Amino acid sequence: MDIKGYIRLRPNKTRSIDRFHPWVFSGAVASTDGDPQDGDFVAVTDLRGGILGYGFYTAAASITVRMTHFGAKAPDAKWIRKRLEQAHALRNALGLVNNASTSIYRLVHGEGDNLPGLIIDFYGGVIVFQAHSISMWRHREEITEALKAIYGDDLKAVYDKSAETLHINEEETSFHLFGDVPDELVALENDLKFRIDWDGGQKTGFFIDQRENRAMVGRMSKGKKVLNAFSYTAGFSAYALRAGADLVHSVDSSERALELGDENISNNELDTDRHESIQADVKDFLKNPEINYDAIILDPPSFAKHPRSRHKAVQAYKRLNKLAIRNLTEGGLLFTYSCSQAVDKNVFNNTVVAAAIEAGRNVRVLYQVHQPADHPINIFHPEGEYLKGLVLEVG
């Protein structure tokens, strides 16, 4: 890799590098030598010029450098491909590659796979590529060539969905990096078929990180009246119906999401008489539901994308969980989640405790859950543990 500049750190700001944290914040930078541009590869040094590591540079961002390597030894030109191969090997070891019942998984999870700012999701032979840093987007062709070599004939297409994450002009992006994505993309998760809205849907089209939690909901739904709040495309609903839930209500404010959810229920030949899609604001719905439920799933969108939004997010989580707890039958189950990175596990747990106190119900924790292994967490980057959840029994 060509080094385009040197980022010197303030004397008291090298500790995070010593601890292998992959982010260098703007406040840690003492000076910049050379003229690096956004996305360029740079060396990070102490104030005397001693090299501490290397990474990708972004001038105006709060994270000035996303570290890719630590130590003085410069990486070779093939390091990105090597890390893609390592990511693929991990998913293979997890039993996700060429899995007859599951063809949906995350191949690259940013810092968790030592490829900061890069998300790659696999959907039945189609890869959706999403860069969260301009540096990774600039390497999209190199990444695509590596993916073609890794997957061979198993790779049908690579689609670039970076415009919304990088806020760049869509006309400047090469959407189809390789092959042609079919008009309708359907993939498998635990033998359930799901339509992937790769173009207009949230994230890369599907919430892959809830795979194991959806399976848990399925195992615990037999004979129950289930509310899937913030249902999106009815993933939790499909699992509950397949497991034998007596009734499932899917509630979401998006008409398009509910349409896709109904399609998923139908495509899996599940009993549509036991399922109803309801377009409503979840908070308003929970204030006056027609019935009490035996199980409620709360999987809202991120309420806090930045630390400054944390307080409002905590209040929103508390209100929702209090309403859900109040509307559960005795012995009912609450599956409650947060994907807000700015709300850590302790804050989330304490928020649910506060909700339970205000609801005045007896509540027990059955499980504490988080993201699956194809969303690995770099042990030096605790921010990577974004998904957290609790399974509660309400007395």
Protein backbone atom coordinates (compact mmCIF):
# COMPACT_ATOMS: atom_id res chain seq x y z
CA MET A 1 0.00 0.00 0.00
CA ASP A 2 1.27 3.47 -0.86
CA ILE A 3 1.57 5.69 2.20
CA LYS A 4 0.20 9.14 1.42
CA GLY A 5 0.90 10.89 4.73
CA TYR A 6 1.91 10.67 8.36
CA ILE A 7 -0.49 11.42 11.23
CA ARG A 8 1.35 12.48 14.39
CA LEU A 9 -0.49 11.95 17.66
CA ARG A 10 -0.37 14.08 20.77
CA PRO A 11 1.89 12.66 23.53
CA ASN A 12 -1.05 11.71 25.78
CA LYS A 13 -3.16 10.22 22.97
CA THR A 14 -1.24 7.08 22.01
CA ARG A 15 -2.69 4.84 24.72
CA SER A 16 -5.62 3.69 22.56
CA ILE A 17 -3.15 2.58 19.86
CA ASP A 18 -1.17 0.69 22.51
CA ARG A 19 -4.44 -1.08 23.35
CA PHE A 20 -5.10 -1.83 19.63
CA HIS A 21 -8.26 0.26 19.43
CA PRO A 22 -8.93 0.79 15.70
CA TRP A 23 -10.14 4.41 15.84
CA VAL A 24 -8.00 7.56 15.98
CA PHE A 25 -10.18 10.56 16.80
CA SER A 26 -9.53 14.04 15.48
CA GLY A 27 -8.72 15.37 18.95
CA ALA A 28 -5.76 12.99 19.20
CA VAL A 29 -4.01 14.41 16.11
CA ALA A 30 -1.14 16.81 16.71
CA SER A 31 -0.17 17.35 13.07
CA THR A 32 -0.36 15.90 9.56
CA ASP A 33 2.72 15.48 7.36
CA GLY A 34 2.17 15.23 3.61
CA ASP A 35 -1.11 15.91 1.87
CA PRO A 36 -3.35 12.86 2.42
CA GLN A 37 -6.81 12.93 0.85
CA ASP A 38 -9.94 11.24 2.13
CA GLY A 39 -9.55 7.48 1.76
CA ASP A 40 -5.76 7.53 1.52
CA PHE A 41 -3.57 5.07 3.40
CA VAL A 42 -1.48 6.77 6.09
CA ALA A 43 1.01 5.93 8.81
CA VAL A 44 0.17 6.88 12.39
CA THR A 45 3.15 8.00 14.47
CA ASP A 46 4.02 9.34 17.87
CA LEU A 47 5.16 12.94 18.14
CA ARG A 48 8.78 11.96 17.38
CA GLY A 49 7.82 10.13 14.19
CA GLY A 50 7.94 6.55 15.50
CA ILE A 51 5.42 4.48 13.52
CA LEU A 52 2.60 3.05 15.62
CA GLY A 53 0.55 1.58 12.78
CA TYR A 54 -1.33 2.24 9.57
CA GLY A 55 -4.87 2.99 8.47
CA PHE A 56 -7.28 4.88 6.25
CA TYR A 57 -7.61 8.64 6.55
CA THR A 58 -10.68 10.91 6.52
CA ALA A 59 -9.98 14.57 7.16
CA ALA A 60 -13.30 16.02 8.28
CA ALA A 61 -14.65 13.01 10.20
CA SER A 62 -14.52 12.65 13.98
CA ILE A 63 -12.70 9.35 13.33
CA THR A 64 -9.67 10.67 11.46
CA VAL A 65 -7.99 7.29 10.96
CA ARG A 66 -9.49 3.81 10.94
CA MET A 67 -6.57 1.58 11.86
CA THR A 68 -5.92 -1.52 9.77
CA HIS A 69 -2.49 -2.51 11.13
CA PHE A 70 -0.53 -1.97 14.33
CA GLY A 71 3.25 -1.83 14.61
CA ALA A 72 5.98 -0.47 12.37
CA LYS A 73 5.88 -3.16 9.68
CA ALA A 74 4.06 -1.90 6.58
CA PRO A 75 1.39 -4.21 5.10
CA ASP A 76 1.75 -5.78 1.69
CA ALA A 77 -0.52 -4.99 -1.25
CA LYS A 78 -2.66 -8.12 -0.79
CA TRP A 79 -3.76 -7.56 2.81
CA ILE A 80 -7.39 -6.81 1.92
CA ARG A 81 -7.75 -10.04 -0.03
CA LYS A 82 -6.11 -12.02 2.79
CA ARG A 83 -8.60 -10.63 5.30
CA LEU A 84 -11.51 -11.43 3.02
CA GLU A 85 -10.22 -14.98 2.80
CA GLN A 86 -9.98 -15.11 6.61
CA ALA A 87 -13.55 -13.81 6.92
CA HIS A 88 -14.79 -16.48 4.52
CA ALA A 89 -12.87 -19.18 6.40
CA LEU A 90 -14.55 -18.14 9.66
CA ARG A 91 -18.05 -18.34 8.14
CA ASN A 92 -17.16 -21.71 6.70
CA ALA A 93 -16.05 -22.89 10.16
CA LEU A 94 -19.36 -21.61 11.56
CA GLY A 95 -21.20 -23.85 9.08
CA LEU A 96 -22.74 -20.99 7.12
CA VAL A 97 -21.00 -21.49 3.76
CA ASN A 98 -22.83 -23.90 1.44
CA ASN A 99 -25.43 -24.51 4.14
CA ALA A 100 -28.47 -26.20 2.60
CA SER A 101 -30.94 -24.61 5.05
CA THR A 102 -29.38 -21.14 5.46
CA SER A 103 -28.05 -19.09 2.54
CA ILE A 104 -28.03 -15.73 4.38
CA TYR A 105 -25.05 -14.58 6.42
CA ARG A 106 -22.69 -11.68 7.02
CA LEU A 107 -19.31 -12.20 5.39
CA VAL A 108 -17.58 -9.04 6.65
CA HIS A 109 -18.46 -7.14 9.81
CA GLY A 110 -16.22 -4.08 9.73
CA GLU A 111 -13.78 -3.84 12.62
CA GLY A 112 -14.82 -7.31 13.78
CA ASP A 113 -13.13 -8.71 10.66
CA ASN A 114 -10.30 -6.17 10.68
CA LEU A 115 -11.79 -4.45 7.63
CA PRO A 116 -12.98 -1.19 9.22
CA GLY A 117 -15.84 0.57 7.51
CA LEU A 118 -16.86 -2.43 5.36
CA ILE A 119 -20.04 -4.52 5.49
CA ILE A 120 -20.56 -7.46 3.13
CA ASP A 121 -23.69 -9.61 3.31
CA PHE A 122 -24.32 -12.83 1.38
CA TYR A 123 -27.80 -13.70 0.11
CA GLY A 124 -28.01 -16.97 -1.79
CA GLY A 125 -25.15 -16.18 -4.15
CA VAL A 126 -25.72 -12.41 -4.29
CA ILE A 127 -23.44 -10.17 -2.26
CA VAL A 128 -24.53 -6.73 -1.07
CA PHE A 129 -21.51 -4.51 -0.48
CA GLN A 130 -21.90 -1.48 1.80
CA ALA A 131 -18.98 0.83 2.58
CA HIS A 132 -19.18 3.06 5.65
CA SER A 133 -15.89 4.75 4.82
CA ILE A 134 -14.75 6.27 1.54
CA SER A 135 -11.51 4.30 1.75
CA MET A 136 -13.24 0.93 1.48
CA TRP A 137 -15.47 2.24 -1.28
CA ARG A 138 -12.39 3.25 -3.26
CA HIS A 139 -11.22 -0.39 -3.03
CA ARG A 140 -14.56 -1.82 -4.24
CA GLU A 141 -13.16 -3.22 -7.49
CA GLU A 142 -10.26 -4.93 -5.70
CA ILE A 143 -12.73 -6.34 -3.17
CA THR A 144 -15.04 -7.58 -5.94
CA GLU A 145 -12.20 -9.37 -7.71
CA ALA A 146 -11.21 -11.03 -4.44
CA LEU A 147 -14.81 -12.16 -3.84
CA LYS A 148 -14.99 -13.66 -7.32
CA ALA A 149 -11.83 -15.65 -6.61
CA ILE A 150 -13.06 -16.80 -3.20
CA TYR A 151 -16.56 -17.91 -4.29
CA GLY A 152 -15.98 -18.93 -7.89
CA ASP A 153 -19.18 -20.04 -9.60
CA ASP A 154 -21.13 -19.72 -6.33
CA LEU A 155 -21.06 -15.93 -6.71
CA LYS A 156 -23.82 -14.62 -8.98
CA ALA A 157 -23.62 -10.87 -8.41
CA VAL A 158 -22.12 -8.08 -6.28
CA TYR A 159 -24.25 -5.02 -5.63
CA ASP A 160 -22.90 -1.75 -4.19
CA LYS A 161 -25.28 -0.13 -1.69
CA SER A 162 -22.90 2.56 -0.40
CA ALA A 163 -24.62 5.71 -1.64
CA GLU A 164 -26.78 6.15 1.46
CA THR A 165 -24.04 5.37 3.98
CA LEU A 166 -21.43 7.61 2.33
CA HIS A 167 -23.89 10.33 1.23
CA ILE A 168 -22.43 10.34 -2.26
CA ASN A 169 -24.10 11.02 -5.57
CA GLU A 170 -25.79 7.80 -6.67
CA GLU A 171 -24.89 8.52 -10.29
CA GLU A 172 -21.21 8.30 -9.34
CA THR A 173 -21.50 4.80 -7.90
CA SER A 174 -21.23 1.55 -9.83
CA PHE A 175 -24.22 -0.27 -8.39
CA HIS A 176 -23.68 -3.59 -10.12
CA LEU A 177 -20.04 -4.33 -9.44
CA PHE A 178 -20.42 -7.81 -10.87
CA GLY A 179 -23.21 -9.81 -12.50
CA ASP A 180 -26.89 -8.95 -12.38
CA VAL A 181 -28.95 -8.97 -9.20
CA PRO A 182 -32.34 -10.58 -9.95
CA ASP A 183 -35.45 -8.43 -9.75
CA GLU A 184 -36.70 -10.63 -6.91
CA LEU A 185 -34.09 -12.01 -4.54
CA VAL A 186 -35.22 -14.80 -2.20
CA ALA A 187 -32.85 -16.54 0.22
CA LEU A 188 -33.09 -19.12 3.01
CA GLU A 189 -32.74 -18.81 6.77
CA ASN A 190 -33.25 -22.04 8.71
CA ASP A 191 -35.38 -23.39 5.84
CA LEU A 192 -37.61 -20.30 5.79
CA LYS A 193 -37.70 -18.30 2.55
CA PHE A 194 -37.33 -14.53 2.79
CA ARG A 195 -37.67 -11.92 0.09
CA ILE A 196 -34.64 -9.59 0.34
CA ASP A 197 -35.36 -5.94 -0.42
CA TRP A 198 -31.70 -5.30 -1.23
CA ASP A 199 -32.40 -2.02 -3.02
CA GLY A 200 -35.00 -0.18 -0.95
CA GLY A 201 -34.87 -2.05 2.35
CA GLN A 202 -33.11 -1.17 5.57
CA LYS A 203 -29.43 -2.03 6.03
CA THR A 204 -28.56 -4.40 3.17
CA GLY A 205 -32.14 -5.65 2.92
CA PHE A 206 -32.54 -7.97 5.91
CA PHE A 207 -31.69 -7.98 9.62
CA ILE A 208 -29.22 -10.87 9.50
CA ASP A 209 -28.05 -10.17 13.05
CA GLN A 210 -31.34 -11.48 14.51
CA ARG A 211 -31.06 -14.97 12.98
CA GLU A 212 -30.44 -16.82 16.27
CA ASN A 213 -32.89 -14.66 18.17
CA ARG A 214 -35.60 -15.40 15.60
CA ALA A 215 -34.94 -19.11 16.08
CA MET A 216 -35.29 -18.67 19.85
CA VAL A 217 -38.62 -16.91 19.42
CA GLY A 218 -39.75 -19.84 17.29
CA ARG A 219 -38.79 -22.38 19.94
CA MET A 220 -40.80 -20.49 22.58
CA SER A 221 -43.93 -19.52 20.61
CA LYS A 222 -45.97 -22.72 20.35
CA GLY A 223 -49.56 -22.20 21.45
CA LYS A 224 -49.05 -18.49 22.18
CA LYS A 225 -50.65 -15.25 21.06
CA VAL A 226 -47.67 -13.29 19.72
CA LEU A 227 -47.15 -9.62 18.91
CA ASN A 228 -44.24 -8.82 16.60
CA ALA A 229 -43.75 -5.08 17.06
CA PHE A 230 -41.64 -3.21 14.50
CA SER A 231 -42.16 -6.32 12.42
CA TYR A 232 -40.40 -5.04 9.24
CA THR A 233 -40.69 -8.00 6.82
CA ALA A 234 -42.13 -10.43 9.42
CA GLY A 235 -39.04 -12.50 10.16
CA PHE A 236 -39.97 -13.15 13.80
CA SER A 237 -43.59 -13.71 12.74
CA ALA A 238 -42.65 -16.45 10.28
CA TYR A 239 -40.69 -18.35 12.94
CA ALA A 240 -43.54 -18.05 15.45
CA LEU A 241 -46.14 -19.27 12.95
CA ARG A 242 -44.01 -22.21 11.86
CA ALA A 243 -43.58 -23.21 15.50
CA GLY A 244 -47.34 -23.32 16.07
CA ALA A 245 -48.27 -19.97 17.56
CA ASP A 246 -52.03 -19.63 17.92
CA LEU A 247 -52.04 -16.05 16.64
CA VAL A 248 -49.42 -13.61 15.36
CA HIS A 249 -49.91 -9.88 14.88
CA SER A 250 -47.23 -8.06 12.85
CA VAL A 251 -47.26 -4.32 13.56
CA ASP A 252 -45.24 -1.77 11.62
CA SER A 253 -45.73 1.80 10.40
CA SER A 254 -44.43 0.95 6.90
CA GLU A 255 -46.99 -0.30 4.40
CA ARG A 256 -44.20 -1.57 2.14
CA ALA A 257 -42.64 -3.60 4.98
CA LEU A 258 -45.99 -5.17 5.82
CA GLU A 259 -46.54 -6.11 2.17
CA LEU A 260 -43.17 -7.86 2.08
CA GLY A 261 -44.00 -9.52 5.40
CA ASP A 262 -47.26 -10.88 4.04
CA GLU A 263 -45.37 -12.14 1.01
CA ASN A 264 -42.88 -13.94 3.26
CA ILE A 265 -45.68 -15.58 5.23
CA SER A 266 -47.38 -16.70 2.01
CA ASN A 267 -44.17 -17.92 0.33
CA ASN A 268 -43.48 -20.19 3.29
CA GLU A 269 -47.00 -21.66 3.07
CA LEU A 270 -47.72 -20.65 6.66
CA ASP A 271 -51.27 -20.39 7.98
CA THR A 272 -52.37 -16.90 6.98
CA ASP A 273 -55.56 -17.28 9.06
CA ARG A 274 -53.38 -17.11 12.18
CA HIS A 275 -51.53 -14.00 11.00
CA GLU A 276 -52.59 -10.37 10.71
CA SER A 277 -50.53 -7.39 9.54
CA ILE A 278 -51.43 -4.09 11.19
CA GLN A 279 -50.15 -0.73 9.98
CA ALA A 280 -49.74 1.43 13.09
CA ASP A 281 -47.30 3.32 15.24
CA VAL A 282 -46.13 0.72 17.76
CA LYS A 283 -46.28 3.04 20.76
CA ASP A 284 -49.86 4.05 19.95
CA PHE A 285 -50.83 0.41 19.31
CA LEU A 286 -49.43 -0.71 22.67
CA LYS A 287 -51.41 1.94 24.54
CA ASN A 288 -54.69 0.18 23.76
CA PRO A 289 -54.34 -3.28 22.20
CA GLU A 290 -57.46 -5.38 21.76
CA ILE A 291 -55.95 -8.37 23.61
CA ASN A 292 -53.16 -9.21 26.02
CA TYR A 293 -50.37 -11.23 24.42
CA ASP A 294 -48.47 -14.29 25.61
CA ALA A 295 -45.31 -13.08 23.87
CA ILE A 296 -44.21 -9.69 22.57
CA ILE A 297 -41.18 -8.99 20.39
CA LEU A 298 -39.78 -5.45 20.58
CA ASP A 299 -37.14 -4.93 17.90
CA PRO A 300 -37.22 -1.18 17.18
CA PRO A 301 -34.89 0.70 14.84
CA SER A 302 -31.88 2.41 16.36
CA PHE A 303 -33.06 5.26 18.57
CA ALA A 304 -29.54 6.63 19.12
CA LYS A 305 -27.00 6.80 16.31
CA HIS A 306 -24.85 9.26 18.32
CA PRO A 307 -24.06 9.61 22.05
CA ARG A 308 -25.86 12.96 22.12
CA SER A 309 -29.10 11.11 21.33
CA ARG A 310 -28.67 8.61 24.18
CA HIS A 311 -31.01 10.25 26.71
CA LYS A 312 -33.94 10.47 24.28
CA ALA A 313 -33.30 6.90 23.20
CA VAL A 314 -33.32 5.62 26.78
CA GLN A 315 -36.65 7.33 27.43
CA ALA A 316 -38.11 5.79 24.25
CA TYR A 317 -36.92 2.30 25.20
CA LYS A 318 -38.36 2.69 28.70
CA ARG A 319 -41.79 3.78 27.44
CA LEU A 320 -42.00 0.92 24.94
CA ASN A 321 -40.89 -1.76 27.39
CA LYS A 322 -43.26 -0.49 30.10
CA LEU A 323 -46.19 -0.67 27.69
CA ALA A 324 -45.18 -4.14 26.51
CA ILE A 325 -44.80 -5.48 30.05
CA ARG A 326 -48.23 -4.14 30.98
CA ASN A 327 -49.84 -5.88 27.99
CA LEU A 328 -48.47 -9.37 28.63
CA THR A 329 -50.44 -12.18 30.20
CA GLU A 330 -49.22 -13.67 33.46
CA GLY A 331 -46.20 -15.79 32.58
CA GLY A 332 -45.89 -13.98 29.25
CA LEU A 333 -42.58 -13.51 27.46
CA LEU A 334 -40.95 -10.27 26.34
CA PHE A 335 -38.19 -10.46 23.74
CA THR A 336 -36.73 -6.96 23.81
CA TYR A 337 -33.75 -5.68 21.80
CA SER A 338 -31.70 -2.58 21.11
CA CYS A 339 -29.43 -2.06 18.11
CA SER A 340 -28.36 1.43 19.23
CA GLN A 341 -24.58 1.44 19.48
CA ALA A 342 -24.67 4.52 21.72
CA VAL A 343 -26.79 2.61 24.28
CA ASP A 344 -24.53 -0.03 25.82
CA LYS A 345 -25.64 -3.27 27.44
CA ASN A 346 -25.65 -1.95 31.01
CA VAL A 347 -27.63 1.16 30.09
CA PHE A 348 -30.14 -0.93 28.16
CA ASN A 349 -30.56 -3.45 30.97
CA ASN A 350 -31.04 -0.68 33.53
CA THR A 351 -33.61 0.96 31.25
CA VAL A 352 -35.64 -2.25 31.09
CA VAL A 353 -35.40 -2.54 34.90
CA ALA A 354 -36.83 0.97 35.21
CA ALA A 355 -39.63 0.01 32.81
CA ALA A 356 -40.46 -3.08 34.86
CA ILE A 357 -40.59 -1.02 38.07
CA GLU A 358 -42.98 1.49 36.51
CA ALA A 359 -45.13 -1.31 35.05
CA GLY A 360 -45.46 -2.85 38.52
CA ARG A 361 -44.99 -6.44 37.35
CA ASN A 362 -42.74 -9.23 38.58
CA VAL A 363 -40.10 -9.81 35.89
CA ARG A 364 -37.39 -12.47 35.54
CA VAL A 365 -34.51 -12.60 33.06
CA LEU A 366 -34.38 -15.89 31.15
CA TYR A 367 -31.71 -15.04 28.59
CA GLN A 368 -29.32 -12.23 27.72
CA VAL A 369 -28.61 -12.23 23.98
CA HIS A 370 -26.56 -10.37 21.39
CA GLN A 371 -25.42 -10.58 17.78
CA PRO A 372 -24.39 -13.94 16.24
CA ALA A 373 -20.87 -15.11 15.45
CA ASP A 374 -20.92 -13.93 11.84
CA HIS A 375 -21.07 -10.43 13.39
CA PRO A 376 -17.85 -10.87 15.42
CA ILE A 377 -16.74 -8.31 18.00
CA ASN A 378 -13.12 -7.17 17.99
CA ILE A 379 -12.14 -7.53 21.65
CA PHE A 380 -10.23 -4.24 21.42
CA HIS A 381 -13.29 -2.46 19.95
CA PRO A 382 -16.20 -2.82 22.40
CA GLU A 383 -18.26 -0.44 20.25
CA GLY A 384 -18.71 -3.39 17.88
CA GLU A 385 -21.14 -5.02 20.32
CA TYR A 386 -24.15 -3.05 19.16
CA LEU A 387 -27.01 -5.57 19.40
CA LYS A 388 -28.16 -6.51 22.87
CA GLY A 389 -31.34 -8.09 24.13
CA LEU A 390 -33.22 -9.67 27.01
CA VAL A 391 -35.76 -12.47 27.13
CA LEU A 392 -38.01 -11.83 30.11
CA GLU A 393 -40.79 -13.72 31.84
CA VAL A 394 -43.45 -11.41 33.24
CA GLY A 395 -45.47 -12.54 36.26
